[in-house]
Protein backbone atom coordinates (compact mmCIF):
# COMPACT_ATOMS: atom_id res chain seq x y z
CA UNK A 1 35.84 -30.61 -53.74
CA UNK A 2 32.92 -31.18 -56.11
CA UNK A 3 30.17 -28.64 -56.43
CA UNK A 4 27.71 -30.97 -54.66
CA UNK A 5 30.14 -31.51 -51.78
CA UNK A 6 30.69 -27.77 -51.48
CA UNK A 7 26.95 -27.27 -51.23
CA UNK A 8 26.77 -29.92 -48.48
CA UNK A 9 29.61 -28.23 -46.55
CA UNK A 10 28.03 -24.82 -46.16
CA UNK A 11 24.61 -23.68 -44.89
CA UNK A 12 21.92 -23.26 -47.46
CA UNK A 13 20.54 -19.85 -48.20
CA UNK A 14 17.27 -20.95 -46.60
CA UNK A 15 19.00 -21.86 -43.34
CA UNK A 16 20.91 -18.58 -43.25
CA UNK A 17 17.71 -16.66 -43.88
CA UNK A 18 15.95 -18.58 -41.10
CA UNK A 19 18.72 -17.85 -38.60
CA UNK A 20 18.73 -14.19 -39.62
CA UNK A 21 14.97 -14.03 -39.22
CA UNK A 22 15.18 -15.56 -35.74
CA UNK A 23 17.90 -13.12 -34.78
CA UNK A 24 15.83 -10.20 -36.02
CA UNK A 25 12.80 -11.46 -34.08
CA UNK A 26 14.80 -11.75 -30.86
CA UNK A 27 16.26 -8.28 -31.38
CA UNK A 28 12.80 -6.86 -31.99
CA UNK A 29 11.51 -8.57 -28.84
CA UNK A 30 14.34 -7.13 -26.75
CA UNK A 31 13.84 -3.66 -28.20
CA UNK A 32 10.11 -3.88 -27.55
CA UNK A 33 10.70 -5.00 -23.96
CA UNK A 34 13.10 -2.09 -23.40
CA UNK A 35 10.70 0.44 -24.93
CA UNK A 36 7.49 -0.70 -23.27
CA UNK A 37 8.70 -1.85 -19.85
CA UNK A 38 7.87 0.90 -17.30
CA UNK A 39 10.81 2.74 -15.78
CA UNK A 40 11.68 2.08 -12.16
CA UNK A 41 9.81 4.62 -9.99
CA UNK A 42 11.82 7.62 -8.84
CA UNK A 43 12.11 8.64 -5.19
CA UNK A 44 9.55 11.45 -5.62
CA UNK A 45 7.07 9.32 -7.60
CA UNK A 46 3.50 8.47 -6.64
CA UNK A 47 4.57 4.85 -6.19
CA UNK A 48 7.37 5.62 -3.74
CA UNK A 49 5.36 8.22 -1.83
CA UNK A 50 2.41 5.87 -1.49
CA UNK A 51 4.62 3.00 -0.30
CA UNK A 52 6.26 5.16 2.36
CA UNK A 53 3.16 6.96 3.65
CA UNK A 54 0.87 3.94 3.57
CA UNK A 55 3.49 1.89 5.41
CA UNK A 56 3.44 4.45 8.23
CA UNK A 57 -0.36 4.65 8.14
CA UNK A 58 -0.62 0.86 8.26
CA UNK A 59 1.87 0.60 11.12
CA UNK A 60 -0.45 2.53 13.42
CA UNK A 61 -3.41 0.37 12.37
CA UNK A 62 -1.37 -2.71 13.30
CA UNK A 63 -0.49 -1.13 16.65
CA UNK A 64 -4.13 -0.27 17.42
CA UNK A 65 -5.27 -3.74 16.38
CA UNK A 66 -2.72 -5.48 18.58
CA UNK A 67 -3.78 -3.28 21.51
CA UNK A 68 -7.43 -4.26 21.00
CA UNK A 69 -6.51 -7.91 20.51
CA UNK A 70 -4.55 -8.01 23.77
CA UNK A 71 -7.27 -6.19 25.73
CA UNK A 72 -10.65 -7.20 24.35
CA UNK A 73 -12.65 -10.16 25.60
CA UNK A 74 -15.10 -10.05 22.64
CA UNK A 75 -14.70 -12.62 19.89
CA UNK A 76 -15.89 -10.31 17.07
CA UNK A 77 -13.39 -7.63 18.07
CA UNK A 78 -10.59 -10.19 18.42
CA UNK A 79 -11.23 -11.60 14.95
CA UNK A 80 -11.42 -8.16 13.36
CA UNK A 81 -8.29 -6.92 15.11
CA UNK A 82 -6.35 -10.05 14.16
CA UNK A 83 -7.40 -9.74 10.52
CA UNK A 84 -6.44 -6.07 10.29
CA UNK A 85 -3.09 -6.63 12.02
CA UNK A 86 -2.06 -9.57 9.83
CA UNK A 87 -3.33 -8.09 6.56
CA UNK A 88 -1.73 -4.70 7.01
CA UNK A 89 1.54 -6.12 8.36
CA UNK A 90 1.75 -8.23 5.20
CA UNK A 91 1.05 -5.19 3.03
CA UNK A 92 3.76 -3.21 4.83
CA UNK A 93 6.18 -5.98 3.91
CA UNK A 94 5.12 -5.76 0.27
CA UNK A 95 5.52 -1.99 0.12
CA UNK A 96 8.90 -2.02 1.83
CA UNK A 97 9.92 -4.77 -0.58
CA UNK A 98 9.05 -2.50 -3.51
CA UNK A 99 11.24 0.29 -2.16
CA UNK A 100 14.13 -2.14 -1.80
CA UNK A 101 13.53 -3.54 -5.28
CA UNK A 102 13.44 -0.01 -6.70
CA UNK A 103 16.68 0.80 -4.80
CA UNK A 104 14.95 3.68 -3.00
CA UNK A 105 15.27 4.68 0.67
CA UNK A 106 12.43 3.98 3.09
CA UNK A 107 12.73 7.48 4.51
CA UNK A 108 10.69 10.10 2.63
CA UNK A 109 12.69 12.95 1.07
CA UNK A 110 10.02 15.59 1.77
CA UNK A 111 6.75 16.13 3.64
CA UNK A 112 4.14 13.44 4.08
CA UNK A 113 1.46 13.18 1.40
CA UNK A 114 3.42 15.31 -1.11
CA UNK A 115 2.79 12.64 -3.76
CA UNK A 116 -0.93 13.46 -3.62
CA UNK A 117 -0.31 16.93 -5.04
CA UNK A 118 -3.11 19.40 -4.44
CA UNK A 119 -5.68 16.82 -3.42
CA UNK A 120 -7.87 17.03 -0.32
CA UNK A 121 -5.34 15.13 1.75
CA UNK A 122 -2.15 16.99 0.90
CA UNK A 123 -1.88 18.51 4.38
CA UNK A 124 0.39 16.57 6.76
CA UNK A 125 -2.01 17.12 9.64
CA UNK A 126 -5.70 17.75 10.16
CA UNK A 127 -5.11 20.30 12.90
CA UNK A 128 -2.68 22.96 14.05
CA UNK A 129 -0.94 20.80 16.66
CA UNK A 130 2.84 20.66 16.53
CA UNK A 131 4.78 17.40 16.09
CA UNK A 132 5.34 15.67 19.39
CA UNK A 133 2.29 17.16 21.09
CA UNK A 134 -0.51 14.99 22.49
CA UNK A 135 -2.93 16.23 19.82
CA UNK A 136 -0.65 15.90 16.81
CA UNK A 137 -2.01 13.87 13.90
CA UNK A 138 0.82 12.89 11.51
CA UNK A 139 -1.52 12.12 8.62
CA UNK A 140 -5.28 12.30 8.05
CA UNK A 141 -7.08 9.49 9.82
CA UNK A 142 -4.23 8.63 12.15
CA UNK A 143 -4.85 8.69 15.89
CA UNK A 144 -3.15 11.30 18.04
CA UNK A 145 -0.86 10.26 20.92
CA UNK A 146 -3.66 11.19 23.34
CA UNK A 147 -6.15 8.97 21.49
CA UNK A 148 -3.66 6.11 21.47
CA UNK A 149 -3.14 6.52 25.20
CA UNK A 150 -6.88 6.34 25.86
CA UNK A 151 -7.14 3.20 23.74
CA UNK A 152 -4.28 1.56 25.61
CA UNK A 153 -5.86 2.47 28.95
CA UNK A 154 -9.31 1.09 28.11
CA UNK A 155 -10.61 -1.93 30.01
CA UNK A 156 -11.62 -5.18 28.28
CA UNK A 157 -15.26 -4.11 28.54
CA UNK A 158 -14.59 -0.62 27.16
CA UNK A 159 -11.96 -1.11 24.44
CA UNK A 160 -14.29 -2.13 21.59
CA UNK A 161 -15.94 1.26 21.09
CA UNK A 162 -12.81 3.48 20.97
CA UNK A 163 -11.05 0.89 18.82
CA UNK A 164 -13.90 0.79 16.31
CA UNK A 165 -14.23 4.58 16.21
CA UNK A 166 -10.52 5.16 15.70
CA UNK A 167 -10.21 2.40 13.12
CA UNK A 168 -13.18 3.61 11.06
CA UNK A 169 -11.59 7.07 10.85
CA UNK A 170 -8.24 5.46 10.08
CA UNK A 171 -9.70 3.29 7.32
CA UNK A 172 -11.64 6.16 5.73
CA UNK A 173 -8.43 8.12 5.27
CA UNK A 174 -6.62 4.98 4.12
CA UNK A 175 -9.26 4.41 1.45
CA UNK A 176 -8.76 7.95 0.16
CA UNK A 177 -4.99 7.44 0.00
CA UNK A 178 -5.29 4.09 -1.73
CA UNK A 179 -7.85 5.38 -4.23
CA UNK A 180 -5.51 8.24 -5.16
CA UNK A 181 -2.66 5.78 -5.73
CA UNK A 182 -4.87 3.46 -7.79
CA UNK A 183 -5.85 6.37 -10.03
CA UNK A 184 -2.42 7.94 -10.52
CA UNK A 185 0.29 5.29 -10.14
CA UNK A 186 1.83 3.71 -13.25
CA UNK A 187 3.33 0.57 -11.69
CA UNK A 188 0.75 -2.24 -12.01
CA UNK A 189 1.73 -3.87 -8.72
CA UNK A 190 0.97 -0.60 -6.93
CA UNK A 191 -2.41 -0.10 -8.57
CA UNK A 192 -3.41 -3.70 -7.83
CA UNK A 193 -2.56 -3.45 -4.15
CA UNK A 194 -4.14 -0.01 -3.84
CA UNK A 195 -7.39 -1.28 -5.36
CA UNK A 196 -7.35 -4.26 -3.00
CA UNK A 197 -6.90 -1.87 -0.07
CA UNK A 198 -9.88 0.22 -1.17
CA UNK A 199 -12.14 -2.81 -1.42
CA UNK A 200 -10.91 -4.50 1.75
CA UNK A 201 -11.03 -1.44 3.98
CA UNK A 202 -14.43 -0.33 2.71
CA UNK A 203 -15.81 -3.75 3.65
CA UNK A 204 -14.22 -3.48 7.09
CA UNK A 205 -15.72 -0.01 7.58
CA UNK A 206 -19.17 -1.50 6.97
CA UNK A 207 -18.46 -4.29 9.45
CA UNK A 208 -17.14 -1.90 12.10
CA UNK A 209 -20.14 0.38 11.68
CA UNK A 210 -22.45 -2.58 12.36
CA UNK A 211 -20.40 -3.56 15.40
CA UNK A 212 -20.72 -0.03 16.79
CA UNK A 213 -24.47 -0.23 16.32
CA UNK A 214 -24.50 -3.48 18.27
CA UNK A 215 -22.67 -1.64 21.06
CA UNK A 216 -25.31 1.12 20.82
CA UNK A 217 -22.56 3.67 20.08
CA UNK A 218 -22.25 6.35 17.42
CA UNK A 219 -19.25 6.63 15.14
CA UNK A 220 -18.35 9.96 16.74
CA UNK A 221 -17.92 10.11 20.53
C-alpha cells in the first residue's frame, strides 16, 4: 500500500481530535448533569412533608366545597365552590404524583407539620382536643368534625355563611403552609406550585371576604 493510500485508509489526526473533543464534551455534560441535578427528596424532606400534609389539607377543602355546591342555591357560592374543588383536587393529584415519582409512601412517617420545624404552625392541632373527638382539629385551619357536621346540616339559604367562614380560615392556614414550602423547598416543581397556591388562595380569601360582607356577616361567628 502506498503512503497516500495508507493515509486515505485511516482517520486523519483532525478527525480523531474532533471525535475525542465531542466525547469529552458529552462526558462533561453528563458529569455536569449528575453534579447539578437535585437529589430526589427524602421521606423526611420539606418536599415530601408538604406534599403529604397539603394533600390532606386540600382534601377537606374539596369536601367542604362539594358540600356547599350540593346544598347552595346561590350562583356565586356555586362557582366558588366548584373552582376550589376542581383546583385543589387537581393539585392533590400533582402532589401524590410527586410522591410516586420520588418512590416515597403517601403515609407520613411522623407527626403532621414536622417539616415546618419550629415555625408557628408546627403544632398538629390548634387546641387540646384528642383525635377522634368532635372538636379535634388535625391541622391549623382545618374544620373540626363538629364544624363539618354543622356545614352538612345547613339549609340552602344558610350554607353560604358557614362555608365562607370555614374556608377563609382554611385558606389562611393553607397560605402559611404553602409560603413555608415556597421558601424552604429545593425542588423547583414544589416551589412553583406552592407559590401558585399562595397567590390563588389569597385572591380567594379576598373574594370570600367580600361575599361575607354581601351576606352582612362577619368572618368570625
